[in-house]
Amino acid sequence: MPSRTASRLSLLLAALLWSTSGVFLKTLPSVHWLTIAGLRSLFAAALFLPGLRLAKPPLAKLVGAVLLYATMVTALMGSMQLGTAAQGIWLQFTAPAVVALWVWLIQKQRLRPAETLALIFTLLAIALIITGGRGPAHQRSLFLGLVSGLAFGLFIILLKTLPATPAAAIYLWTNLGTAALLLPLLLALRVPLPSAPRDLALLVAMGLGQLALPYYFFQRGLSATRAVEASLLLLLEPILNPIWVYLVVGELPSPRVITGCALLALALLAIALFPNHRRPVLSS
């Protein structure tokens, strides 16, 4: 078992790698976001191939996991490409609010004060992000970001019902399923596939290094790190994502979007600092 220091460094490295999704996306402006999502998952599945030897989830839950995961990662790519990386990644992190609503409305459990506060911050953040831009592209980005957050939240809830299923098996089949759903769709819609060596190399690097490899460090980091500490360390992903994009391509969100993202960060901090022994959130 790695030391606590090594575990923390592993989690930081996972967050760092996950946070580069915006930079990859913004440096592939000529590649459609559906193509990016499909090929990224196809290449990511290569690192999860050992999961073929592991137990699969029950078929019904596996189908549900594939559909939710595919929706989550595809909508995220669309939201970040059509809008700013900041609003895309932070809208995905409305997922804890989705989980809190599920606990309250479906499971009929009382929300803790931290969860209630997080819900209020999330609603205020969404209102600010809605009014933080104009035009059809902003509206589509906003819609896809909210869809990604909803799918992410439901995916977390589904994962909580699969405690005995190895992570490698879950992410092998969800990534293969995402590719299997999207690639035929691309052909049907006649969306061109990338042919430039540079674009293909970036997509391979995105699938292997940005999406799949961080899960190795994530699982390694959890072994000697408390859930609260892990949740706080992983907050670096949505914080760093728009920073890398600004440094590389100069994209700067509007002040309202920045304020909304800050409120979502406060919502996540409220849940992380006052946990309820829930399974740590994974990323995409």
Protein backbone atom coordinates (compact mmCIF):
# COMPACT_ATOMS: atom_id res chain seq x y z
CA MET A 1 0.00 0.00 0.00
CA PRO A 2 1.46 3.42 -0.93
CA SER A 3 2.15 6.00 1.78
CA ARG A 4 -0.26 8.87 2.41
CA THR A 5 2.10 11.24 0.64
CA ALA A 6 2.30 8.96 -2.41
CA SER A 7 -1.49 8.58 -2.37
CA ARG A 8 -1.99 12.34 -2.30
CA LEU A 9 0.46 12.79 -5.17
CA SER A 10 -1.40 10.11 -7.15
CA LEU A 11 -4.70 11.95 -6.66
CA LEU A 12 -3.12 15.25 -7.63
CA LEU A 13 -1.70 13.65 -10.77
CA ALA A 14 -5.13 12.19 -11.62
CA ALA A 15 -6.74 15.62 -11.24
CA LEU A 16 -3.97 17.23 -13.30
CA LEU A 17 -4.39 14.76 -16.18
CA TRP A 18 -8.19 14.98 -16.13
CA SER A 19 -7.97 18.78 -16.17
CA THR A 20 -6.32 18.83 -19.61
CA SER A 21 -9.54 17.89 -21.44
CA GLY A 22 -10.30 21.51 -22.27
CA VAL A 23 -6.87 22.13 -23.78
CA PHE A 24 -7.11 19.03 -25.97
CA LEU A 25 -10.61 20.00 -27.07
CA LYS A 26 -9.76 23.61 -27.90
CA THR A 27 -6.71 22.56 -29.94
CA LEU A 28 -8.97 20.36 -32.11
CA PRO A 29 -11.34 23.05 -33.42
CA SER A 30 -11.93 21.31 -36.75
CA VAL A 31 -12.95 17.99 -35.15
CA HIS A 32 -16.63 17.64 -34.21
CA TRP A 33 -17.31 17.09 -30.50
CA LEU A 34 -19.17 13.84 -31.25
CA THR A 35 -16.07 12.54 -33.01
CA ILE A 36 -13.85 13.58 -30.11
CA ALA A 37 -16.10 11.83 -27.60
CA GLY A 38 -16.32 8.61 -29.62
CA LEU A 39 -12.64 8.25 -30.50
CA ARG A 40 -11.49 9.37 -27.05
CA SER A 41 -13.48 6.56 -25.45
CA LEU A 42 -12.31 4.05 -28.06
CA PHE A 43 -8.65 4.78 -27.34
CA ALA A 44 -9.27 4.96 -23.57
CA ALA A 45 -10.72 1.45 -23.60
CA ALA A 46 -7.29 0.10 -24.58
CA LEU A 47 -5.94 0.78 -21.08
CA PHE A 48 -8.90 -0.96 -19.48
CA LEU A 49 -8.53 -4.22 -21.46
CA PRO A 50 -7.47 -6.14 -18.31
CA GLY A 51 -11.10 -5.62 -17.28
CA LEU A 52 -12.07 -8.34 -19.78
CA ARG A 53 -10.98 -10.92 -17.20
CA LEU A 54 -13.02 -9.32 -14.42
CA ALA A 55 -16.65 -9.72 -13.44
CA LYS A 56 -19.13 -7.57 -15.36
CA PRO A 57 -22.08 -5.77 -13.77
CA PRO A 58 -25.55 -7.29 -14.30
CA LEU A 59 -26.71 -6.68 -17.87
CA ALA A 60 -29.47 -4.19 -17.01
CA LYS A 61 -27.13 -2.09 -14.89
CA LEU A 62 -24.36 -2.39 -17.46
CA VAL A 63 -26.66 -1.01 -20.18
CA GLY A 64 -27.70 1.81 -17.87
CA ALA A 65 -24.07 2.59 -17.03
CA VAL A 66 -23.10 2.69 -20.71
CA LEU A 67 -25.97 5.01 -21.62
CA LEU A 68 -25.31 7.38 -18.71
CA TYR A 69 -21.55 7.41 -19.23
CA ALA A 70 -21.91 7.98 -22.98
CA THR A 71 -24.32 10.85 -22.36
CA MET A 72 -22.05 12.34 -19.70
CA VAL A 73 -18.81 12.38 -21.67
CA THR A 74 -20.43 13.29 -25.01
CA ALA A 75 -22.43 16.19 -23.61
CA LEU A 76 -19.33 17.45 -21.79
CA MET A 77 -17.32 17.55 -25.02
CA GLY A 78 -20.15 19.39 -26.77
CA SER A 79 -20.61 21.89 -23.96
CA MET A 80 -16.92 22.76 -23.81
CA GLN A 81 -16.56 23.02 -27.60
CA LEU A 82 -19.67 25.14 -28.17
CA GLY A 83 -19.05 27.37 -25.14
CA THR A 84 -16.19 28.00 -22.77
CA ALA A 85 -14.30 25.18 -21.13
CA ALA A 86 -15.07 26.75 -17.74
CA GLN A 87 -18.84 26.60 -18.04
CA GLY A 88 -18.73 23.13 -19.59
CA ILE A 89 -16.62 21.49 -16.90
CA TRP A 90 -18.29 23.28 -14.00
CA LEU A 91 -21.80 22.52 -15.22
CA GLN A 92 -20.82 18.86 -15.21
CA PHE A 93 -19.96 19.29 -11.55
CA THR A 94 -23.59 20.07 -10.75
CA ALA A 95 -23.71 16.28 -10.32
CA PRO A 96 -23.52 16.38 -6.48
CA ALA A 97 -26.65 18.54 -6.50
CA VAL A 98 -28.36 15.89 -8.65
CA VAL A 99 -27.34 13.24 -6.09
CA ALA A 100 -28.68 15.41 -3.24
CA LEU A 101 -32.01 15.86 -5.03
CA TRP A 102 -32.21 12.10 -5.60
CA VAL A 103 -31.64 11.48 -1.89
CA TRP A 104 -34.31 14.02 -0.99
CA LEU A 105 -37.00 13.37 -3.60
CA ILE A 106 -36.58 9.66 -4.37
CA GLN A 107 -35.08 8.16 -1.22
CA LYS A 108 -37.09 10.51 1.03
CA GLN A 109 -34.09 11.33 3.19
CA ARG A 110 -33.62 14.69 4.85
CA LEU A 111 -30.85 16.79 3.36
CA ARG A 112 -27.99 17.81 5.58
CA PRO A 113 -27.37 21.57 5.96
CA ALA A 114 -24.26 21.30 3.73
CA GLU A 115 -26.31 19.65 0.98
CA THR A 116 -29.05 22.28 1.22
CA LEU A 117 -26.43 25.02 1.01
CA ALA A 118 -24.82 23.28 -1.97
CA LEU A 119 -28.17 23.12 -3.77
CA ILE A 120 -28.74 26.85 -3.24
CA PHE A 121 -25.24 27.69 -4.52
CA THR A 122 -25.79 25.41 -7.52
CA LEU A 123 -29.08 27.05 -8.51
CA LEU A 124 -27.54 30.53 -8.18
CA ALA A 125 -24.54 29.39 -10.24
CA ILE A 126 -26.74 28.03 -13.04
CA ALA A 127 -28.70 31.30 -13.13
CA LEU A 128 -25.48 33.28 -13.48
CA ILE A 129 -24.06 30.99 -16.19
CA ILE A 130 -27.35 31.17 -18.13
CA THR A 131 -27.08 34.96 -18.26
CA GLY A 132 -23.31 34.90 -18.84
CA GLY A 133 -23.47 34.59 -22.62
CA ARG A 134 -25.63 35.04 -25.68
CA GLY A 135 -26.42 33.29 -28.90
CA PRO A 136 -27.41 29.79 -30.01
CA ALA A 137 -23.95 28.32 -29.33
CA HIS A 138 -24.05 29.50 -25.69
CA GLN A 139 -27.55 28.09 -25.27
CA ARG A 140 -26.54 24.71 -26.72
CA SER A 141 -23.42 24.69 -24.55
CA LEU A 142 -25.52 25.43 -21.49
CA PHE A 143 -28.05 22.70 -22.31
CA LEU A 144 -25.35 20.09 -22.94
CA GLY A 145 -23.50 21.08 -19.75
CA LEU A 146 -26.64 20.57 -17.68
CA VAL A 147 -27.31 17.24 -19.42
CA SER A 148 -23.74 16.18 -18.62
CA GLY A 149 -24.21 17.12 -14.97
CA LEU A 150 -27.51 15.24 -14.76
CA ALA A 151 -26.00 12.12 -16.38
CA PHE A 152 -22.94 12.37 -14.13
CA GLY A 153 -25.13 12.52 -11.03
CA LEU A 154 -27.22 9.52 -12.11
CA PHE A 155 -24.03 7.65 -13.02
CA ILE A 156 -22.71 8.22 -9.49
CA ILE A 157 -25.98 6.89 -8.06
CA LEU A 158 -25.73 3.81 -10.28
CA LEU A 159 -22.10 3.22 -9.26
CA LYS A 160 -23.20 3.09 -5.61
CA THR A 161 -25.21 -0.04 -6.50
CA LEU A 162 -22.11 -1.77 -7.95
CA PRO A 163 -19.68 -1.86 -5.01
CA ALA A 164 -18.40 -5.35 -5.92
CA THR A 165 -17.70 -4.61 -9.59
CA PRO A 166 -14.03 -3.76 -10.31
CA ALA A 167 -13.50 -0.24 -11.68
CA ALA A 168 -11.48 -1.59 -14.63
CA ALA A 169 -14.46 -3.66 -15.77
CA ILE A 170 -16.89 -0.76 -15.42
CA TYR A 171 -14.73 1.64 -17.41
CA LEU A 172 -13.78 -0.91 -20.06
CA TRP A 173 -17.41 -1.57 -20.93
CA THR A 174 -18.61 2.01 -20.56
CA ASN A 175 -15.90 3.33 -22.87
CA LEU A 176 -16.35 0.53 -25.39
CA GLY A 177 -20.09 1.10 -25.24
CA THR A 178 -19.66 4.83 -25.80
CA ALA A 179 -17.51 4.19 -28.88
CA ALA A 180 -19.95 1.58 -30.16
CA LEU A 181 -22.84 4.04 -29.86
CA LEU A 182 -21.12 7.11 -31.27
CA LEU A 183 -19.06 5.80 -34.17
CA PRO A 184 -22.05 4.41 -36.15
CA LEU A 185 -23.90 7.66 -35.35
CA LEU A 186 -21.03 9.65 -36.86
CA LEU A 187 -21.23 7.60 -40.03
CA ALA A 188 -25.02 7.98 -40.19
CA LEU A 189 -24.75 11.76 -39.74
CA ARG A 190 -21.83 11.91 -42.20
CA VAL A 191 -19.65 13.66 -39.66
CA PRO A 192 -16.11 13.50 -41.08
CA LEU A 193 -13.53 11.51 -39.14
CA PRO A 194 -10.14 13.16 -38.63
CA SER A 195 -7.41 12.17 -41.02
CA ALA A 196 -4.61 14.60 -40.17
CA PRO A 197 -1.80 12.83 -38.23
CA ARG A 198 -1.73 15.68 -35.71
CA ASP A 199 -5.44 15.37 -34.92
CA LEU A 200 -5.25 11.58 -34.62
CA ALA A 201 -2.21 11.82 -32.33
CA LEU A 202 -4.00 14.31 -30.08
CA LEU A 203 -7.07 12.07 -29.88
CA VAL A 204 -4.96 9.04 -28.97
CA ALA A 205 -3.19 11.10 -26.29
CA MET A 206 -6.53 12.38 -25.05
CA GLY A 207 -8.02 8.91 -24.75
CA LEU A 208 -5.01 7.25 -23.16
CA GLY A 209 -3.44 10.06 -21.14
CA GLN A 210 -6.29 12.43 -20.33
CA LEU A 211 -9.20 10.02 -19.80
CA ALA A 212 -7.95 6.51 -18.99
CA LEU A 213 -4.57 6.86 -17.24
CA PRO A 214 -5.89 9.14 -14.46
CA TYR A 215 -8.14 6.33 -13.25
CA TYR A 216 -5.02 4.29 -12.41
CA PHE A 217 -3.68 7.12 -10.25
CA PHE A 218 -7.15 7.73 -8.82
CA GLN A 219 -7.55 4.15 -7.61
CA ARG A 220 -3.98 4.10 -6.30
CA GLY A 221 -4.51 7.39 -4.49
CA LEU A 222 -7.67 6.27 -2.72
CA SER A 223 -5.86 3.44 -0.93
CA ALA A 224 -4.33 5.61 1.79
CA THR A 225 -6.33 8.84 1.57
CA ARG A 226 -9.49 9.76 3.43
CA ALA A 227 -12.57 10.36 1.26
CA VAL A 228 -12.84 14.02 2.33
CA GLU A 229 -9.20 14.68 1.46
CA ALA A 230 -9.55 12.88 -1.86
CA SER A 231 -12.63 14.93 -2.77
CA LEU A 232 -10.81 18.18 -2.02
CA LEU A 233 -7.73 17.19 -4.01
CA LEU A 234 -9.86 16.22 -7.01
CA LEU A 235 -11.43 19.70 -7.02
CA LEU A 236 -8.25 20.73 -8.79
CA GLU A 237 -9.63 19.27 -12.01
CA PRO A 238 -12.42 21.82 -12.67
CA ILE A 239 -10.23 24.61 -11.27
CA LEU A 240 -7.24 23.88 -13.49
CA ASN A 241 -9.19 23.04 -16.64
CA PRO A 242 -10.15 26.63 -17.60
CA ILE A 243 -6.77 27.92 -16.42
CA TRP A 244 -4.91 25.67 -18.89
CA VAL A 245 -7.31 26.73 -21.65
CA TYR A 246 -6.69 30.41 -20.90
CA LEU A 247 -2.92 29.93 -20.88
CA VAL A 248 -2.90 27.94 -24.15
CA VAL A 249 -5.62 29.56 -26.28
CA GLY A 250 -6.49 32.72 -24.32
CA GLU A 251 -10.15 31.80 -23.71
CA LEU A 252 -11.61 33.85 -20.86
CA PRO A 253 -15.20 33.33 -19.64
CA SER A 254 -17.50 36.26 -18.90
CA PRO A 255 -17.54 37.64 -15.32
CA ARG A 256 -20.95 36.05 -14.67
CA VAL A 257 -19.73 32.63 -15.79
CA ILE A 258 -16.64 33.01 -13.57
CA THR A 259 -18.85 33.96 -10.60
CA GLY A 260 -21.14 31.01 -11.31
CA CYS A 261 -18.17 28.65 -11.43
CA ALA A 262 -16.97 30.04 -8.09
CA LEU A 263 -20.38 29.33 -6.54
CA LEU A 264 -20.26 25.75 -7.84
CA ALA A 265 -16.80 25.42 -6.26
CA LEU A 266 -18.30 26.56 -2.94
CA ALA A 267 -21.09 24.00 -3.34
CA LEU A 268 -18.55 21.21 -3.87
CA LEU A 269 -16.49 22.42 -0.91
CA ALA A 270 -19.59 22.35 1.32
CA ILE A 271 -20.26 18.73 0.43
CA ALA A 272 -16.58 17.71 0.63
CA LEU A 273 -15.97 19.34 4.02
CA PHE A 274 -19.14 17.88 5.56
CA PRO A 275 -19.35 14.42 4.01
CA ASN A 276 -21.90 11.73 4.63
CA HIS A 277 -19.61 8.78 3.97
CA ARG A 278 -20.58 8.64 0.30
CA ARG A 279 -18.53 7.08 -2.41
CA PRO A 280 -16.02 9.53 -3.93
CA VAL A 281 -16.98 11.14 -7.22
CA LEU A 282 -15.14 9.93 -10.30
CA SER A 283 -14.36 12.16 -13.23
CA SER A 284 -14.54 12.17 -17.00
